[in-house]
């Protein structure tokens, strides 16, 4: 029958009794199968993992920058691996590292939650943070009220109010009274000048 119709005979279920076959154009069958597979892959969500590295002696400003990066990743539905590495004698006081990790986790709590408690793994403390669902997650700090694609609002420049001409003279008089010569902490203010 397949030869008569100019199509291929494809075995669908070889283990069935009797075996099930179909008369199809094999090229078209493979094309439709590939299309179905591609469609099913669209609905799968591959999670990306980004890493943020910390140290026990991290500066508060640097910690804030790293926190901002982690929040960006979590708002883009990525997982964040937080690693705090100890170097040299820092291993003697791992409690400082755990304090830094706890502060970091409390800062990003509105955006993600740790998958497990932070644990010491060799010379590093490691913890994975997963993003919260979109409806439970806080709004991204940089996004503001509008939508992410909208440009930021332009702030009007403040008008430069010129001071009257008498103001510089008043400043000069106050400098002479204090003896600072224009500097707030002049090291030479206490010296006597002989003429």
N, C-alpha and C. Protein backbone atom coordinates (compact mmCIF):
# COMPACT_ATOMS: atom_id res chain seq x y z
N UNK A 1 0.83 -1.21 0.00
CA UNK A 1 0.00 0.00 0.00
C UNK A 1 0.87 1.26 0.00
N UNK A 2 1.98 1.23 0.78
CA UNK A 2 2.87 2.39 0.83
C UNK A 2 3.49 2.64 -0.53
N UNK A 3 3.95 1.57 -1.19
CA UNK A 3 4.55 1.74 -2.52
C UNK A 3 3.52 2.24 -3.52
N UNK A 4 2.32 1.74 -3.41
CA UNK A 4 1.27 2.14 -4.36
C UNK A 4 0.95 3.63 -4.21
N UNK A 5 0.96 4.14 -2.97
CA UNK A 5 0.63 5.55 -2.74
C UNK A 5 1.86 6.46 -2.80
N UNK A 6 3.05 5.89 -2.92
CA UNK A 6 4.28 6.69 -3.01
C UNK A 6 4.66 7.34 -1.69
N UNK A 7 4.36 6.68 -0.57
CA UNK A 7 4.72 7.20 0.76
C UNK A 7 5.54 6.15 1.49
N UNK A 8 5.94 6.47 2.72
CA UNK A 8 6.78 5.58 3.51
C UNK A 8 5.94 4.86 4.55
N UNK A 9 6.42 3.68 4.95
CA UNK A 9 5.77 2.89 6.00
C UNK A 9 6.57 3.10 7.27
N UNK A 10 5.95 3.75 8.30
CA UNK A 10 6.66 4.09 9.54
C UNK A 10 6.06 3.28 10.67
N UNK A 11 6.94 2.56 11.41
CA UNK A 11 6.51 1.75 12.55
C UNK A 11 6.33 2.68 13.74
N UNK A 12 5.14 2.77 14.30
CA UNK A 12 4.82 3.68 15.40
C UNK A 12 5.00 3.00 16.75
N UNK A 13 4.41 1.81 16.94
CA UNK A 13 4.50 1.08 18.20
C UNK A 13 4.95 -0.35 17.91
N UNK A 14 6.28 -0.60 17.98
CA UNK A 14 6.76 -1.94 17.61
C UNK A 14 6.40 -3.02 18.63
N UNK A 15 6.19 -2.64 19.91
CA UNK A 15 5.93 -3.64 20.96
C UNK A 15 4.46 -4.02 21.08
N UNK A 16 3.59 -3.30 20.37
CA UNK A 16 2.16 -3.62 20.44
C UNK A 16 1.88 -4.91 19.69
N UNK A 17 0.73 -5.55 19.98
CA UNK A 17 0.35 -6.77 19.28
C UNK A 17 -0.97 -6.51 18.57
N UNK A 18 -1.08 -6.47 17.30
CA UNK A 18 0.01 -6.48 16.31
C UNK A 18 0.74 -5.13 16.28
N UNK A 19 1.99 -5.07 15.73
CA UNK A 19 2.73 -3.79 15.65
C UNK A 19 1.94 -2.75 14.84
N UNK A 20 2.02 -1.48 15.28
CA UNK A 20 1.26 -0.40 14.64
C UNK A 20 2.18 0.33 13.67
N UNK A 21 1.69 0.51 12.44
CA UNK A 21 2.46 1.24 11.42
C UNK A 21 1.56 2.31 10.81
N UNK A 22 2.22 3.33 10.22
CA UNK A 22 1.48 4.40 9.53
C UNK A 22 2.04 4.60 8.15
N UNK A 23 1.17 4.98 7.26
CA UNK A 23 1.60 5.34 5.91
C UNK A 23 1.74 6.85 5.88
N UNK A 24 3.00 7.36 5.90
CA UNK A 24 3.23 8.81 5.91
C UNK A 24 4.41 9.15 5.02
N UNK A 25 4.47 10.42 4.67
CA UNK A 25 5.66 10.94 3.99
C UNK A 25 6.69 11.17 5.10
N UNK A 26 7.80 10.42 5.11
CA UNK A 26 8.73 10.43 6.24
C UNK A 26 9.39 11.81 6.44
N UNK A 27 9.70 12.51 5.38
CA UNK A 27 10.31 13.85 5.50
C UNK A 27 9.37 14.81 6.20
N UNK A 28 8.10 14.77 5.79
CA UNK A 28 7.10 15.63 6.42
C UNK A 28 6.89 15.23 7.89
N UNK A 29 6.90 13.92 8.17
CA UNK A 29 6.75 13.41 9.53
C UNK A 29 7.87 13.92 10.44
N UNK A 30 9.12 13.84 9.94
CA UNK A 30 10.27 14.32 10.74
C UNK A 30 10.20 15.82 10.97
N UNK A 31 9.77 16.58 9.95
CA UNK A 31 9.65 18.03 10.07
C UNK A 31 8.63 18.40 11.15
N UNK A 32 7.48 17.74 11.14
CA UNK A 32 6.44 18.03 12.14
C UNK A 32 6.89 17.62 13.54
N UNK A 33 7.64 16.51 13.62
CA UNK A 33 8.17 16.05 14.92
C UNK A 33 9.15 17.09 15.49
N UNK A 34 10.04 17.60 14.64
CA UNK A 34 11.02 18.61 15.07
C UNK A 34 10.31 19.89 15.51
N UNK A 35 9.24 20.24 14.79
CA UNK A 35 8.46 21.44 15.13
C UNK A 35 7.82 21.28 16.51
N UNK A 36 7.27 20.09 16.78
CA UNK A 36 6.65 19.81 18.08
C UNK A 36 7.68 19.88 19.21
N UNK A 37 8.87 19.30 18.96
CA UNK A 37 9.94 19.32 19.97
C UNK A 37 10.38 20.75 20.28
N UNK A 38 10.50 21.55 19.22
CA UNK A 38 10.92 22.94 19.40
C UNK A 38 9.89 23.72 20.21
N UNK A 39 8.61 23.46 19.94
CA UNK A 39 7.53 24.13 20.65
C UNK A 39 7.53 23.76 22.14
N UNK A 40 7.81 22.49 22.44
CA UNK A 40 7.83 22.07 23.85
C UNK A 40 9.03 22.64 24.58
N UNK A 41 10.14 22.88 23.87
CA UNK A 41 11.34 23.46 24.50
C UNK A 41 11.10 24.92 24.89
N UNK A 42 10.21 25.60 24.16
CA UNK A 42 9.92 27.00 24.46
C UNK A 42 9.36 27.16 25.87
N UNK A 43 8.58 26.18 26.31
CA UNK A 43 7.92 26.28 27.60
C UNK A 43 8.84 25.86 28.75
N UNK A 44 10.00 25.24 28.43
CA UNK A 44 10.95 24.91 29.48
C UNK A 44 11.74 26.16 29.82
N UNK A 45 12.03 26.33 31.10
CA UNK A 45 12.76 27.53 31.54
C UNK A 45 14.14 27.12 32.06
N UNK A 46 15.18 27.47 31.32
CA UNK A 46 16.54 27.16 31.76
C UNK A 46 16.99 28.25 32.72
N UNK A 47 17.35 27.88 33.94
CA UNK A 47 17.75 28.89 34.92
C UNK A 47 19.23 29.19 34.78
N UNK A 48 19.54 30.47 34.77
CA UNK A 48 20.93 30.90 34.73
C UNK A 48 21.38 31.15 36.16
N UNK A 49 22.65 30.92 36.42
CA UNK A 49 23.21 31.17 37.75
C UNK A 49 24.32 32.20 37.61
N UNK A 50 24.21 33.27 38.39
CA UNK A 50 25.25 34.30 38.43
C UNK A 50 25.93 34.22 39.79
N UNK A 51 27.21 34.58 39.85
CA UNK A 51 27.94 34.48 41.10
C UNK A 51 28.34 35.87 41.60
N UNK A 52 28.19 36.07 42.90
CA UNK A 52 28.63 37.30 43.56
C UNK A 52 29.65 36.89 44.62
N UNK A 53 30.86 37.46 44.53
CA UNK A 53 31.92 37.10 45.48
C UNK A 53 32.11 38.21 46.49
N UNK A 54 32.21 37.83 47.75
CA UNK A 54 32.39 38.77 48.85
C UNK A 54 33.66 38.40 49.61
N UNK A 55 34.06 39.27 50.54
CA UNK A 55 35.17 38.95 51.44
C UNK A 55 34.77 39.40 52.84
N UNK A 56 35.39 38.83 53.88
CA UNK A 56 34.98 39.21 55.25
C UNK A 56 35.28 40.66 55.59
N UNK A 57 36.27 41.29 54.93
CA UNK A 57 36.63 42.69 55.24
C UNK A 57 36.11 43.63 54.16
N UNK A 58 34.96 43.32 53.57
CA UNK A 58 34.43 44.14 52.48
C UNK A 58 33.95 45.49 53.01
N UNK A 59 34.21 46.53 52.25
CA UNK A 59 33.79 47.89 52.60
C UNK A 59 32.27 47.99 52.47
N UNK A 60 31.60 48.76 53.32
CA UNK A 60 30.13 48.88 53.22
C UNK A 60 29.65 49.34 51.84
N UNK A 61 30.39 50.26 51.21
CA UNK A 61 29.99 50.73 49.89
C UNK A 61 30.11 49.60 48.86
N UNK A 62 31.20 48.82 48.93
CA UNK A 62 31.38 47.70 48.01
C UNK A 62 30.29 46.65 48.22
N UNK A 63 29.91 46.44 49.47
CA UNK A 63 28.83 45.49 49.77
C UNK A 63 27.52 45.98 49.14
N UNK A 64 27.30 47.30 49.19
CA UNK A 64 26.10 47.86 48.57
C UNK A 64 26.10 47.67 47.06
N UNK A 65 27.26 47.82 46.43
CA UNK A 65 27.37 47.62 44.98
C UNK A 65 27.07 46.17 44.63
N UNK A 66 27.66 45.24 45.40
CA UNK A 66 27.42 43.80 45.16
C UNK A 66 25.95 43.46 45.39
N UNK A 67 25.34 44.07 46.40
CA UNK A 67 23.92 43.85 46.67
C UNK A 67 23.08 44.32 45.48
N UNK A 68 23.44 45.47 44.93
CA UNK A 68 22.73 46.00 43.75
C UNK A 68 22.83 45.05 42.57
N UNK A 69 24.03 44.47 42.34
CA UNK A 69 24.19 43.52 41.25
C UNK A 69 23.31 42.29 41.47
N UNK A 70 23.31 41.79 42.71
CA UNK A 70 22.51 40.60 43.03
C UNK A 70 21.02 40.89 42.81
N UNK A 71 20.56 42.09 43.19
CA UNK A 71 19.16 42.46 43.00
C UNK A 71 18.83 42.50 41.51
N UNK A 72 19.76 43.04 40.70
CA UNK A 72 19.55 43.08 39.25
C UNK A 72 19.37 41.66 38.70
N UNK A 73 20.23 40.73 39.13
CA UNK A 73 20.15 39.36 38.65
C UNK A 73 18.84 38.70 39.08
N UNK A 74 18.45 38.91 40.34
CA UNK A 74 17.23 38.29 40.85
C UNK A 74 16.00 38.84 40.14
N UNK A 75 16.01 40.13 39.79
CA UNK A 75 14.87 40.72 39.09
C UNK A 75 14.78 40.23 37.65
N UNK A 76 15.88 39.67 37.13
CA UNK A 76 15.86 39.07 35.79
C UNK A 76 15.65 37.57 35.87
N UNK A 77 15.15 37.08 37.00
CA UNK A 77 14.83 35.67 37.23
C UNK A 77 16.04 34.75 37.12
N UNK A 78 17.19 35.22 37.58
CA UNK A 78 18.39 34.38 37.61
C UNK A 78 18.67 33.99 39.06
N UNK A 79 19.28 32.83 39.25
CA UNK A 79 19.71 32.44 40.59
C UNK A 79 21.04 33.12 40.86
N UNK A 80 21.34 33.37 42.14
CA UNK A 80 22.60 34.01 42.52
C UNK A 80 23.34 33.10 43.49
N UNK A 81 24.59 32.81 43.15
CA UNK A 81 25.45 32.03 44.05
C UNK A 81 26.33 33.04 44.78
N UNK A 82 26.19 33.09 46.09
CA UNK A 82 26.97 34.03 46.91
C UNK A 82 28.13 33.26 47.53
N UNK A 83 29.36 33.74 47.26
CA UNK A 83 30.56 33.08 47.77
C UNK A 83 31.37 34.10 48.55
N UNK A 84 31.71 33.76 49.78
CA UNK A 84 32.58 34.61 50.59
C UNK A 84 33.86 33.82 50.86
N UNK A 85 34.99 34.30 50.31
CA UNK A 85 36.24 33.55 50.41
C UNK A 85 37.11 34.11 51.54
N UNK A 86 37.70 33.19 52.29
CA UNK A 86 38.64 33.56 53.35
C UNK A 86 40.06 33.37 52.83
N UNK A 87 40.94 34.33 53.15
CA UNK A 87 42.33 34.22 52.73
C UNK A 87 43.22 34.26 53.96
N UNK A 88 44.20 33.38 54.00
CA UNK A 88 45.18 33.39 55.08
C UNK A 88 44.58 33.20 56.44
N UNK A 89 44.92 34.13 57.36
CA UNK A 89 44.49 33.99 58.76
C UNK A 89 43.04 34.40 58.98
N UNK A 90 42.34 34.82 57.93
CA UNK A 90 40.93 35.15 58.08
C UNK A 90 40.10 33.93 58.48
N UNK A 91 40.66 32.72 58.25
CA UNK A 91 39.95 31.49 58.62
C UNK A 91 39.78 31.36 60.14
N UNK A 92 40.60 32.10 60.92
CA UNK A 92 40.50 32.01 62.38
C UNK A 92 39.20 32.62 62.90
N UNK A 93 38.64 33.57 62.11
CA UNK A 93 37.42 34.25 62.56
C UNK A 93 36.35 34.18 61.47
N UNK A 94 35.83 32.98 61.28
CA UNK A 94 34.79 32.80 60.25
C UNK A 94 33.48 33.49 60.62
N UNK A 95 33.33 33.82 61.92
CA UNK A 95 32.07 34.47 62.35
C UNK A 95 31.87 35.81 61.65
N UNK A 96 32.99 36.52 61.31
CA UNK A 96 32.85 37.79 60.60
C UNK A 96 32.29 37.55 59.20
N UNK A 97 32.71 36.47 58.58
CA UNK A 97 32.19 36.12 57.26
C UNK A 97 30.71 35.81 57.30
N UNK A 98 30.29 35.06 58.34
CA UNK A 98 28.87 34.74 58.47
C UNK A 98 28.04 35.99 58.72
N UNK A 99 28.61 36.97 59.44
CA UNK A 99 27.89 38.23 59.67
C UNK A 99 27.68 38.98 58.35
N UNK A 100 28.72 39.00 57.50
CA UNK A 100 28.62 39.69 56.21
C UNK A 100 27.56 39.00 55.34
N UNK A 101 27.57 37.67 55.32
CA UNK A 101 26.59 36.92 54.53
C UNK A 101 25.17 37.20 55.04
N UNK A 102 24.98 37.22 56.36
CA UNK A 102 23.65 37.48 56.93
C UNK A 102 23.17 38.88 56.55
N UNK A 103 24.06 39.87 56.60
CA UNK A 103 23.69 41.24 56.22
C UNK A 103 23.29 41.27 54.74
N UNK A 104 24.07 40.58 53.91
CA UNK A 104 23.79 40.53 52.47
C UNK A 104 22.42 39.89 52.21
N UNK A 105 22.14 38.79 52.91
CA UNK A 105 20.87 38.09 52.70
C UNK A 105 19.68 38.91 53.17
N UNK A 106 19.85 39.68 54.27
CA UNK A 106 18.73 40.52 54.73
C UNK A 106 18.49 41.68 53.75
N UNK A 107 19.58 42.18 53.11
CA UNK A 107 19.42 43.27 52.14
C UNK A 107 18.67 42.82 50.89
N UNK A 108 18.87 41.56 50.47
CA UNK A 108 18.22 41.10 49.24
C UNK A 108 16.96 40.28 49.52
N UNK A 109 16.53 40.21 50.78
CA UNK A 109 15.36 39.39 51.16
C UNK A 109 14.08 39.75 50.39
N UNK A 110 13.80 41.03 50.05
CA UNK A 110 12.57 41.31 49.30
C UNK A 110 12.59 40.78 47.86
N UNK A 111 13.76 40.35 47.38
CA UNK A 111 13.89 39.93 45.98
C UNK A 111 14.15 38.44 45.82
N UNK A 112 14.72 37.80 46.85
CA UNK A 112 15.03 36.38 46.74
C UNK A 112 15.21 35.75 48.10
N UNK A 113 15.21 34.41 48.12
CA UNK A 113 15.38 33.69 49.39
C UNK A 113 16.48 32.64 49.22
N UNK A 114 17.26 32.38 50.28
CA UNK A 114 18.31 31.37 50.18
C UNK A 114 17.72 29.96 50.08
N UNK A 115 18.34 29.12 49.24
CA UNK A 115 17.86 27.74 49.09
C UNK A 115 18.23 26.89 50.30
N UNK A 116 19.33 27.25 50.97
CA UNK A 116 19.77 26.53 52.16
C UNK A 116 20.52 27.51 53.04
N UNK A 117 20.78 27.12 54.28
CA UNK A 117 21.50 28.02 55.18
C UNK A 117 22.95 28.12 54.72
N UNK A 118 23.58 29.28 54.89
CA UNK A 118 24.97 29.43 54.47
C UNK A 118 25.86 28.43 55.20
N UNK A 119 26.74 27.76 54.44
CA UNK A 119 27.61 26.79 55.08
C UNK A 119 29.05 26.97 54.63
N UNK A 120 29.96 26.61 55.52
CA UNK A 120 31.39 26.72 55.25
C UNK A 120 31.81 25.54 54.39
N UNK A 121 32.36 25.82 53.24
CA UNK A 121 32.78 24.78 52.30
C UNK A 121 34.26 25.02 51.99
N UNK A 122 35.15 24.35 52.72
CA UNK A 122 36.58 24.59 52.54
C UNK A 122 36.96 25.94 53.11
N UNK A 123 37.48 26.83 52.26
CA UNK A 123 37.87 28.17 52.70
C UNK A 123 36.84 29.22 52.26
N UNK A 124 35.62 28.81 52.02
CA UNK A 124 34.58 29.74 51.55
C UNK A 124 33.23 29.40 52.16
N UNK A 125 32.41 30.44 52.32
CA UNK A 125 31.02 30.26 52.72
C UNK A 125 30.20 30.39 51.44
N UNK A 126 29.33 29.41 51.21
CA UNK A 126 28.55 29.38 49.96
C UNK A 126 27.06 29.32 50.30
N UNK A 127 26.27 30.05 49.52
CA UNK A 127 24.81 29.99 49.64
C UNK A 127 24.21 30.32 48.27
N UNK A 128 23.13 29.61 47.91
CA UNK A 128 22.42 29.88 46.65
C UNK A 128 21.15 30.66 46.98
N UNK A 129 20.87 31.67 46.18
CA UNK A 129 19.68 32.50 46.39
C UNK A 129 18.80 32.39 45.15
N UNK A 130 17.54 32.01 45.36
CA UNK A 130 16.58 31.90 44.25
C UNK A 130 15.67 33.12 44.25
N UNK A 131 15.27 33.59 43.06
CA UNK A 131 14.37 34.75 43.02
C UNK A 131 12.98 34.39 43.52
N UNK A 132 12.34 35.34 44.15
CA UNK A 132 10.95 35.15 44.57
C UNK A 132 10.05 35.22 43.34
N UNK A 133 8.84 34.65 43.39
CA UNK A 133 7.91 34.80 42.26
C UNK A 133 7.62 36.28 42.01
N UNK A 134 7.33 36.62 40.76
CA UNK A 134 7.15 38.03 40.38
C UNK A 134 6.10 38.75 41.21
N UNK A 135 5.01 38.05 41.57
CA UNK A 135 3.95 38.73 42.32
C UNK A 135 4.31 38.96 43.79
N UNK A 136 5.31 38.23 44.33
CA UNK A 136 5.72 38.41 45.72
C UNK A 136 6.99 39.24 45.84
N UNK A 137 7.66 39.48 44.72
CA UNK A 137 8.93 40.19 44.71
C UNK A 137 8.71 41.70 44.80
N UNK A 138 9.62 42.39 45.48
CA UNK A 138 9.56 43.85 45.56
C UNK A 138 9.89 44.45 44.19
N UNK A 139 9.45 45.68 43.98
CA UNK A 139 9.74 46.38 42.72
C UNK A 139 11.24 46.69 42.63
N UNK A 140 11.78 46.55 41.43
CA UNK A 140 13.21 46.82 41.22
C UNK A 140 13.50 48.28 41.57
N UNK A 141 14.54 48.55 42.38
CA UNK A 141 14.80 49.93 42.83
C UNK A 141 15.06 50.92 41.69
N UNK A 142 15.75 50.50 40.63
CA UNK A 142 16.04 51.42 39.53
C UNK A 142 14.86 51.58 38.59
N UNK A 143 13.92 50.66 38.62
CA UNK A 143 12.80 50.71 37.69
C UNK A 143 11.85 51.85 38.00
N UNK A 144 11.66 52.14 39.27
CA UNK A 144 10.80 53.25 39.67
C UNK A 144 9.34 52.94 39.40
N UNK A 145 8.54 53.99 39.19
CA UNK A 145 7.11 53.84 39.02
C UNK A 145 6.75 53.36 37.62
N UNK A 146 7.47 53.88 36.61
CA UNK A 146 7.12 53.55 35.22
C UNK A 146 7.65 52.19 34.83
N UNK A 147 7.57 51.93 33.54
CA UNK A 147 8.00 50.66 33.04
C UNK A 147 9.48 50.73 32.70
N UNK A 148 10.15 49.58 32.67
CA UNK A 148 11.61 49.54 32.54
C UNK A 148 12.09 50.12 31.23
N UNK A 149 11.25 50.06 30.17
CA UNK A 149 11.69 50.54 28.87
C UNK A 149 11.57 52.06 28.74
N UNK A 150 10.80 52.70 29.63
CA UNK A 150 10.63 54.14 29.50
C UNK A 150 11.88 54.87 29.97
N UNK A 151 12.27 55.95 29.28
CA UNK A 151 13.48 56.66 29.68
C UNK A 151 13.27 57.38 31.00
N UNK A 152 14.35 57.58 31.76
CA UNK A 152 14.20 58.27 33.04
C UNK A 152 13.76 59.72 32.83
N UNK A 153 12.98 60.22 33.76
CA UNK A 153 12.48 61.58 33.67
C UNK A 153 13.63 62.57 33.81
N UNK A 154 13.61 63.62 33.00
CA UNK A 154 14.67 64.63 33.04
C UNK A 154 14.32 65.63 34.13
N UNK A 155 15.25 65.84 35.04
CA UNK A 155 15.06 66.79 36.12
C UNK A 155 15.42 68.19 35.62
N UNK A 156 14.60 69.21 35.90
CA UNK A 156 14.95 70.57 35.47
C UNK A 156 16.16 71.06 36.26
N UNK A 157 17.00 71.81 35.57
CA UNK A 157 18.19 72.36 36.22
C UNK A 157 17.79 73.46 37.19
N UNK A 158 18.42 73.49 38.35
CA UNK A 158 18.08 74.59 39.27
C UNK A 158 18.60 75.91 38.72
N UNK A 159 17.82 76.94 38.92
CA UNK A 159 18.22 78.26 38.45
C UNK A 159 19.36 78.77 39.31
N UNK A 160 20.35 79.35 38.67
CA UNK A 160 21.51 79.87 39.39
C UNK A 160 21.19 81.27 39.89
N UNK A 161 20.86 81.38 41.16
CA UNK A 161 20.56 82.69 41.73
C UNK A 161 21.88 83.36 42.09
N UNK A 162 22.16 84.44 41.40
CA UNK A 162 23.42 85.14 41.65
C UNK A 162 23.33 85.91 42.96
N UNK A 163 24.42 85.86 43.73
CA UNK A 163 24.45 86.61 44.99
C UNK A 163 24.75 88.06 44.70
N UNK A 164 24.28 88.94 45.53
CA UNK A 164 24.61 90.35 45.33
C UNK A 164 26.10 90.59 45.52
N UNK A 165 26.58 91.68 45.00
CA UNK A 165 28.01 91.98 45.02
C UNK A 165 28.54 92.16 46.44
N UNK A 166 27.69 92.47 47.42
CA UNK A 166 28.15 92.71 48.79
C UNK A 166 28.52 91.41 49.49
N UNK A 167 28.05 90.27 49.00
CA UNK A 167 28.29 89.00 49.68
C UNK A 167 29.77 88.64 49.74
N UNK A 168 30.56 88.78 48.67
CA UNK A 168 31.98 88.44 48.78
C UNK A 168 32.71 89.28 49.83
N UNK A 169 32.33 90.51 49.97
CA UNK A 169 32.97 91.36 50.97
C UNK A 169 32.65 90.86 52.38
N UNK A 170 31.41 90.40 52.59
CA UNK A 170 31.02 89.87 53.90
C UNK A 170 31.80 88.59 54.21
N UNK A 171 32.01 87.75 53.20
CA UNK A 171 32.79 86.53 53.39
C UNK A 171 34.22 86.87 53.80
N UNK A 172 34.79 87.85 53.12
CA UNK A 172 36.18 88.26 53.40
C UNK A 172 36.31 88.75 54.83
N UNK A 173 35.31 89.52 55.31
CA UNK A 173 35.34 90.04 56.67
C UNK A 173 35.28 88.89 57.68
N UNK A 174 34.45 87.87 57.40
CA UNK A 174 34.34 86.76 58.33
C UNK A 174 35.63 85.95 58.36
N UNK A 175 36.33 85.85 57.24
CA UNK A 175 37.62 85.14 57.21
C UNK A 175 38.65 85.85 58.07
N UNK A 176 38.66 87.19 57.99
CA UNK A 176 39.64 87.95 58.78
C UNK A 176 39.35 87.82 60.27
N UNK A 177 38.04 87.74 60.62
CA UNK A 177 37.69 87.60 62.04
C UNK A 177 38.15 86.26 62.58
N UNK A 178 37.93 85.19 61.81
CA UNK A 178 38.31 83.86 62.30
C UNK A 178 39.79 83.59 62.12
N UNK A 179 40.43 84.29 61.20
CA UNK A 179 41.87 84.11 60.98
C UNK A 179 42.20 82.84 60.22
N UNK A 180 41.22 82.27 59.51
CA UNK A 180 41.49 81.02 58.80
C UNK A 180 42.04 81.25 57.41
N UNK A 181 41.86 82.42 56.87
CA UNK A 181 42.38 82.67 55.54
C UNK A 181 41.65 81.88 54.47
N UNK A 182 40.40 81.54 54.68
CA UNK A 182 39.63 80.85 53.65
C UNK A 182 39.60 79.35 53.82
N UNK A 183 40.35 78.78 54.76
CA UNK A 183 40.35 77.34 54.94
C UNK A 183 39.67 76.99 56.25
N UNK A 184 38.89 75.93 56.25
CA UNK A 184 38.16 75.54 57.45
C UNK A 184 39.11 75.02 58.52
N UNK A 185 40.11 74.25 58.11
CA UNK A 185 41.05 73.70 59.09
C UNK A 185 42.47 74.09 58.68
N UNK A 186 42.74 75.38 58.74
CA UNK A 186 44.04 75.91 58.34
C UNK A 186 45.08 75.56 59.41
N UNK A 187 46.11 74.78 59.07
CA UNK A 187 47.12 74.41 60.06
C UNK A 187 47.98 75.60 60.50
N UNK A 188 48.01 76.67 59.70
CA UNK A 188 48.86 77.82 60.01
C UNK A 188 48.09 78.94 60.71
N UNK A 189 46.85 78.71 61.10
CA UNK A 189 46.03 79.75 61.71
C UNK A 189 46.59 80.20 63.06
N UNK A 190 47.25 79.30 63.80
CA UNK A 190 47.74 79.62 65.14
C UNK A 190 49.14 80.28 65.11
N UNK A 191 49.79 80.29 63.96
CA UNK A 191 51.16 80.86 63.88
C UNK A 191 51.11 82.38 63.87
N UNK A 192 52.09 82.98 64.51
CA UNK A 192 52.22 84.43 64.48
C UNK A 192 53.12 84.81 63.32
N UNK A 193 52.70 85.82 62.60
CA UNK A 193 53.49 86.28 61.48
C UNK A 193 54.20 87.56 61.92
N UNK A 194 55.56 87.52 61.89
CA UNK A 194 56.34 88.72 62.25
C UNK A 194 56.65 89.49 61.00
N UNK A 195 56.48 90.81 61.09
CA UNK A 195 56.74 91.63 59.92
C UNK A 195 57.84 92.59 60.15
